[in-house]
Amino acid sequence: MTKAEIVAKISENLGIEKNEVLATVEHFMQEVKESLEGGENVYLRGFGSFIVKTRAEKTGRNISKNTTIKIPAHNIPAFKPAKVFVESVKSNVAVK
C-alpha cells in the first residue's frame, strides 16, 4: 500500500478531502522523523514504536579490493510492532 492509497482510503472512510488527509499524513511523518532525529522514540499504543537503534562498530570486508574496513558505530531508525499488532497479523494473514 502506498501513501496515496492510504490517503485515499482515509479520505473515503472519514469523508475528509484528500488534500487535508495528505497534509495530516505528511505532518505525522515529519513529526516522527524530527523526533527520531532528536533522539526521541515515538510510542503508538496498540500499533508499535519508532525507535532509534545503535549499531556497534564492526569490521567489514571490501571483497573487490580484498581488504578489511572498519564500519563505525551508528544509529538507525527502526520500527517495533506492538504485541497486539503482531498477533493480529499472525492470525489474519495466511502463510504463503
N, C-alpha and C. Protein backbone atom coordinates (compact mmCIF):
# COMPACT_ATOMS: atom_id res chain seq x y z
N MET A 1 0.85 -1.17 0.00
CA MET A 1 0.00 0.00 0.00
C MET A 1 0.90 1.24 0.00
N THR A 2 0.58 2.18 -0.84
CA THR A 2 1.36 3.41 -0.94
C THR A 2 0.74 4.52 -0.11
N LYS A 3 1.47 5.61 0.05
CA LYS A 3 0.95 6.76 0.79
C LYS A 3 -0.32 7.29 0.12
N ALA A 4 -0.34 7.33 -1.20
CA ALA A 4 -1.52 7.81 -1.93
C ALA A 4 -2.73 6.92 -1.66
N GLU A 5 -2.51 5.62 -1.58
CA GLU A 5 -3.61 4.70 -1.30
C GLU A 5 -4.11 4.87 0.14
N ILE A 6 -3.19 5.09 1.06
CA ILE A 6 -3.59 5.33 2.45
C ILE A 6 -4.42 6.60 2.55
N VAL A 7 -3.97 7.66 1.89
CA VAL A 7 -4.70 8.94 1.90
C VAL A 7 -6.09 8.76 1.30
N ALA A 8 -6.18 8.06 0.18
CA ALA A 8 -7.48 7.84 -0.47
C ALA A 8 -8.43 7.05 0.44
N LYS A 9 -7.91 6.02 1.10
CA LYS A 9 -8.74 5.19 1.96
C LYS A 9 -9.24 5.98 3.18
N ILE A 10 -8.36 6.74 3.82
CA ILE A 10 -8.76 7.55 4.97
C ILE A 10 -9.78 8.61 4.54
N SER A 11 -9.53 9.24 3.41
CA SER A 11 -10.44 10.26 2.89
C SER A 11 -11.83 9.67 2.64
N GLU A 12 -11.85 8.50 2.05
CA GLU A 12 -13.12 7.83 1.75
C GLU A 12 -13.85 7.44 3.03
N ASN A 13 -13.11 6.89 4.00
CA ASN A 13 -13.73 6.41 5.24
C ASN A 13 -14.24 7.54 6.13
N LEU A 14 -13.52 8.65 6.16
CA LEU A 14 -13.90 9.74 7.06
C LEU A 14 -14.65 10.88 6.38
N GLY A 15 -14.67 10.89 5.06
CA GLY A 15 -15.36 11.95 4.34
C GLY A 15 -14.62 13.28 4.40
N ILE A 16 -13.31 13.22 4.49
CA ILE A 16 -12.49 14.43 4.52
C ILE A 16 -11.79 14.54 3.17
N GLU A 17 -11.55 15.77 2.73
CA GLU A 17 -10.89 15.97 1.45
C GLU A 17 -9.49 15.37 1.45
N LYS A 18 -9.10 14.85 0.30
CA LYS A 18 -7.80 14.17 0.18
C LYS A 18 -6.63 15.08 0.52
N ASN A 19 -6.72 16.37 0.12
CA ASN A 19 -5.58 17.25 0.39
C ASN A 19 -5.41 17.51 1.89
N GLU A 20 -6.49 17.50 2.64
CA GLU A 20 -6.40 17.66 4.10
C GLU A 20 -5.80 16.42 4.74
N VAL A 21 -6.22 15.26 4.28
CA VAL A 21 -5.68 14.00 4.80
C VAL A 21 -4.20 13.89 4.45
N LEU A 22 -3.84 14.25 3.22
CA LEU A 22 -2.44 14.21 2.80
C LEU A 22 -1.58 15.10 3.69
N ALA A 23 -2.07 16.31 3.97
CA ALA A 23 -1.32 17.23 4.83
C ALA A 23 -1.14 16.64 6.23
N THR A 24 -2.18 15.98 6.74
CA THR A 24 -2.10 15.36 8.06
C THR A 24 -1.09 14.22 8.07
N VAL A 25 -1.13 13.37 7.07
CA VAL A 25 -0.20 12.25 6.98
C VAL A 25 1.23 12.77 6.84
N GLU A 26 1.44 13.78 6.00
CA GLU A 26 2.77 14.37 5.82
C GLU A 26 3.29 14.95 7.13
N HIS A 27 2.43 15.66 7.87
CA HIS A 27 2.84 16.25 9.14
C HIS A 27 3.16 15.15 10.17
N PHE A 28 2.37 14.09 10.17
CA PHE A 28 2.64 12.96 11.08
C PHE A 28 4.02 12.38 10.81
N MET A 29 4.31 12.11 9.53
CA MET A 29 5.61 11.54 9.18
C MET A 29 6.74 12.49 9.52
N GLN A 30 6.54 13.78 9.31
CA GLN A 30 7.56 14.77 9.64
C GLN A 30 7.83 14.81 11.15
N GLU A 31 6.78 14.73 11.95
CA GLU A 31 6.95 14.72 13.40
C GLU A 31 7.71 13.49 13.87
N VAL A 32 7.40 12.33 13.29
CA VAL A 32 8.11 11.10 13.64
C VAL A 32 9.59 11.25 13.27
N LYS A 33 9.87 11.75 12.06
CA LYS A 33 11.26 11.94 11.62
C LYS A 33 12.01 12.89 12.55
N GLU A 34 11.39 14.02 12.87
CA GLU A 34 12.05 15.01 13.73
C GLU A 34 12.30 14.46 15.13
N SER A 35 11.36 13.69 15.65
CA SER A 35 11.55 13.09 16.97
C SER A 35 12.72 12.11 16.96
N LEU A 36 12.78 11.26 15.95
CA LEU A 36 13.87 10.29 15.87
C LEU A 36 15.21 10.99 15.65
N GLU A 37 15.22 12.03 14.82
CA GLU A 37 16.46 12.79 14.59
C GLU A 37 16.93 13.46 15.87
N GLY A 38 16.00 13.81 16.75
CA GLY A 38 16.33 14.42 18.03
C GLY A 38 16.64 13.40 19.11
N GLY A 39 16.64 12.11 18.76
CA GLY A 39 16.97 11.06 19.71
C GLY A 39 15.80 10.59 20.55
N GLU A 40 14.59 11.05 20.23
CA GLU A 40 13.39 10.64 20.97
C GLU A 40 12.68 9.51 20.24
N ASN A 41 12.22 8.51 20.99
CA ASN A 41 11.42 7.44 20.41
C ASN A 41 9.97 7.88 20.35
N VAL A 42 9.20 7.27 19.44
CA VAL A 42 7.77 7.57 19.29
C VAL A 42 6.99 6.30 19.60
N TYR A 43 6.11 6.35 20.60
CA TYR A 43 5.34 5.20 21.03
C TYR A 43 3.87 5.39 20.65
N LEU A 44 3.32 4.46 19.88
CA LEU A 44 1.92 4.49 19.49
C LEU A 44 1.26 3.23 20.03
N ARG A 45 0.56 3.37 21.15
CA ARG A 45 -0.04 2.22 21.83
C ARG A 45 -0.95 1.43 20.90
N GLY A 46 -0.78 0.12 20.87
CA GLY A 46 -1.58 -0.76 20.05
C GLY A 46 -1.08 -0.87 18.62
N PHE A 47 -0.11 -0.05 18.24
CA PHE A 47 0.44 -0.08 16.87
C PHE A 47 1.91 -0.47 16.90
N GLY A 48 2.73 0.31 17.61
CA GLY A 48 4.14 -0.01 17.70
C GLY A 48 4.96 1.21 18.07
N SER A 49 6.27 1.04 18.00
CA SER A 49 7.19 2.10 18.39
C SER A 49 8.20 2.36 17.28
N PHE A 50 8.42 3.63 17.01
CA PHE A 50 9.50 4.04 16.13
C PHE A 50 10.66 4.37 17.06
N ILE A 51 11.76 3.64 16.93
CA ILE A 51 12.86 3.79 17.87
C ILE A 51 14.17 4.04 17.13
N VAL A 52 15.15 4.56 17.89
CA VAL A 52 16.49 4.74 17.36
C VAL A 52 17.34 3.61 17.92
N LYS A 53 17.91 2.79 17.03
CA LYS A 53 18.78 1.69 17.44
C LYS A 53 20.22 2.08 17.19
N THR A 54 21.10 1.66 18.08
CA THR A 54 22.52 1.91 17.91
C THR A 54 23.18 0.64 17.40
N ARG A 55 23.88 0.76 16.30
CA ARG A 55 24.64 -0.35 15.75
C ARG A 55 26.08 -0.21 16.22
N ALA A 56 26.65 -1.28 16.74
CA ALA A 56 28.01 -1.26 17.24
C ALA A 56 29.01 -1.17 16.09
N GLU A 57 30.22 -0.73 16.43
CA GLU A 57 31.30 -0.70 15.43
C GLU A 57 31.62 -2.14 15.03
N LYS A 58 31.90 -2.35 13.76
CA LYS A 58 32.24 -3.70 13.31
C LYS A 58 33.24 -3.64 12.17
N THR A 59 33.81 -4.78 11.87
CA THR A 59 34.77 -4.90 10.78
C THR A 59 34.04 -5.50 9.58
N GLY A 60 34.21 -4.85 8.43
CA GLY A 60 33.61 -5.35 7.19
C GLY A 60 34.68 -5.69 6.19
N ARG A 61 34.26 -6.23 5.07
CA ARG A 61 35.22 -6.61 4.04
C ARG A 61 34.86 -5.94 2.72
N ASN A 62 35.88 -5.41 2.06
CA ASN A 62 35.72 -4.91 0.70
C ASN A 62 36.20 -6.04 -0.20
N ILE A 63 35.27 -6.80 -0.75
CA ILE A 63 35.61 -8.00 -1.50
C ILE A 63 36.40 -7.67 -2.75
N SER A 64 36.06 -6.57 -3.44
CA SER A 64 36.75 -6.25 -4.69
C SER A 64 38.22 -5.91 -4.48
N LYS A 65 38.56 -5.29 -3.35
CA LYS A 65 39.97 -4.94 -3.07
C LYS A 65 40.62 -5.91 -2.08
N ASN A 66 39.82 -6.85 -1.56
CA ASN A 66 40.28 -7.84 -0.60
C ASN A 66 40.94 -7.18 0.62
N THR A 67 40.25 -6.20 1.18
CA THR A 67 40.73 -5.51 2.37
C THR A 67 39.63 -5.48 3.42
N THR A 68 40.05 -5.23 4.65
CA THR A 68 39.07 -5.07 5.72
C THR A 68 38.89 -3.58 5.99
N ILE A 69 37.68 -3.23 6.36
CA ILE A 69 37.38 -1.84 6.69
C ILE A 69 36.64 -1.80 8.02
N LYS A 70 36.77 -0.70 8.72
CA LYS A 70 36.05 -0.52 9.98
C LYS A 70 34.79 0.27 9.70
N ILE A 71 33.66 -0.27 10.12
CA ILE A 71 32.39 0.42 10.00
C ILE A 71 32.10 1.02 11.38
N PRO A 72 32.07 2.35 11.49
CA PRO A 72 31.90 2.97 12.82
C PRO A 72 30.51 2.71 13.40
N ALA A 73 30.39 2.86 14.71
CA ALA A 73 29.09 2.75 15.36
C ALA A 73 28.18 3.85 14.82
N HIS A 74 26.91 3.52 14.65
CA HIS A 74 25.97 4.50 14.12
C HIS A 74 24.55 4.18 14.59
N ASN A 75 23.68 5.16 14.48
CA ASN A 75 22.27 5.00 14.85
C ASN A 75 21.42 4.83 13.60
N ILE A 76 20.39 3.99 13.72
CA ILE A 76 19.45 3.80 12.61
C ILE A 76 18.02 3.85 13.15
N PRO A 77 17.07 4.32 12.34
CA PRO A 77 15.68 4.27 12.77
C PRO A 77 15.14 2.84 12.60
N ALA A 78 14.23 2.44 13.48
CA ALA A 78 13.64 1.11 13.39
C ALA A 78 12.19 1.18 13.87
N PHE A 79 11.42 0.18 13.48
CA PHE A 79 10.04 0.08 13.93
C PHE A 79 9.85 -1.24 14.65
N LYS A 80 9.26 -1.18 15.83
CA LYS A 80 8.97 -2.39 16.59
C LYS A 80 7.46 -2.46 16.78
N PRO A 81 6.80 -3.43 16.13
CA PRO A 81 5.34 -3.51 16.25
C PRO A 81 4.90 -3.93 17.65
N ALA A 82 3.72 -3.47 18.05
CA ALA A 82 3.14 -3.85 19.34
C ALA A 82 2.70 -5.30 19.30
N LYS A 83 2.67 -5.95 20.46
CA LYS A 83 2.28 -7.36 20.53
C LYS A 83 0.88 -7.59 19.95
N VAL A 84 -0.04 -6.68 20.23
CA VAL A 84 -1.41 -6.80 19.72
C VAL A 84 -1.40 -6.78 18.19
N PHE A 85 -0.58 -5.90 17.62
CA PHE A 85 -0.46 -5.78 16.17
C PHE A 85 0.13 -7.06 15.57
N VAL A 86 1.18 -7.58 16.19
CA VAL A 86 1.83 -8.80 15.71
C VAL A 86 0.85 -9.97 15.74
N GLU A 87 0.13 -10.12 16.84
CA GLU A 87 -0.83 -11.21 16.96
C GLU A 87 -1.95 -11.09 15.93
N SER A 88 -2.40 -9.88 15.67
CA SER A 88 -3.44 -9.66 14.68
C SER A 88 -2.98 -10.08 13.29
N VAL A 89 -1.75 -9.71 12.93
CA VAL A 89 -1.22 -10.10 11.62
C VAL A 89 -1.03 -11.60 11.55
N LYS A 90 -0.52 -12.22 12.62
CA LYS A 90 -0.32 -13.67 12.65
C LYS A 90 -1.61 -14.42 12.42
N SER A 91 -2.69 -13.95 13.07
CA SER A 91 -3.96 -14.67 12.97
C SER A 91 -4.77 -14.36 11.72
N ASN A 92 -4.49 -13.23 11.05
CA ASN A 92 -5.30 -12.85 9.90
C ASN A 92 -4.64 -12.99 8.54
N VAL A 93 -3.32 -13.18 8.50
CA VAL A 93 -2.62 -13.30 7.23
C VAL A 93 -2.17 -14.73 7.05
N ALA A 94 -2.56 -15.32 5.93
CA ALA A 94 -2.20 -16.71 5.65
C ALA A 94 -0.72 -16.79 5.26
N VAL A 95 -0.10 -17.89 5.65
CA VAL A 95 1.29 -18.14 5.30
C VAL A 95 1.35 -18.55 3.84
N LYS A 96 2.27 -17.94 3.09
CA LYS A 96 2.35 -18.24 1.65
C LYS A 96 3.23 -19.43 1.39
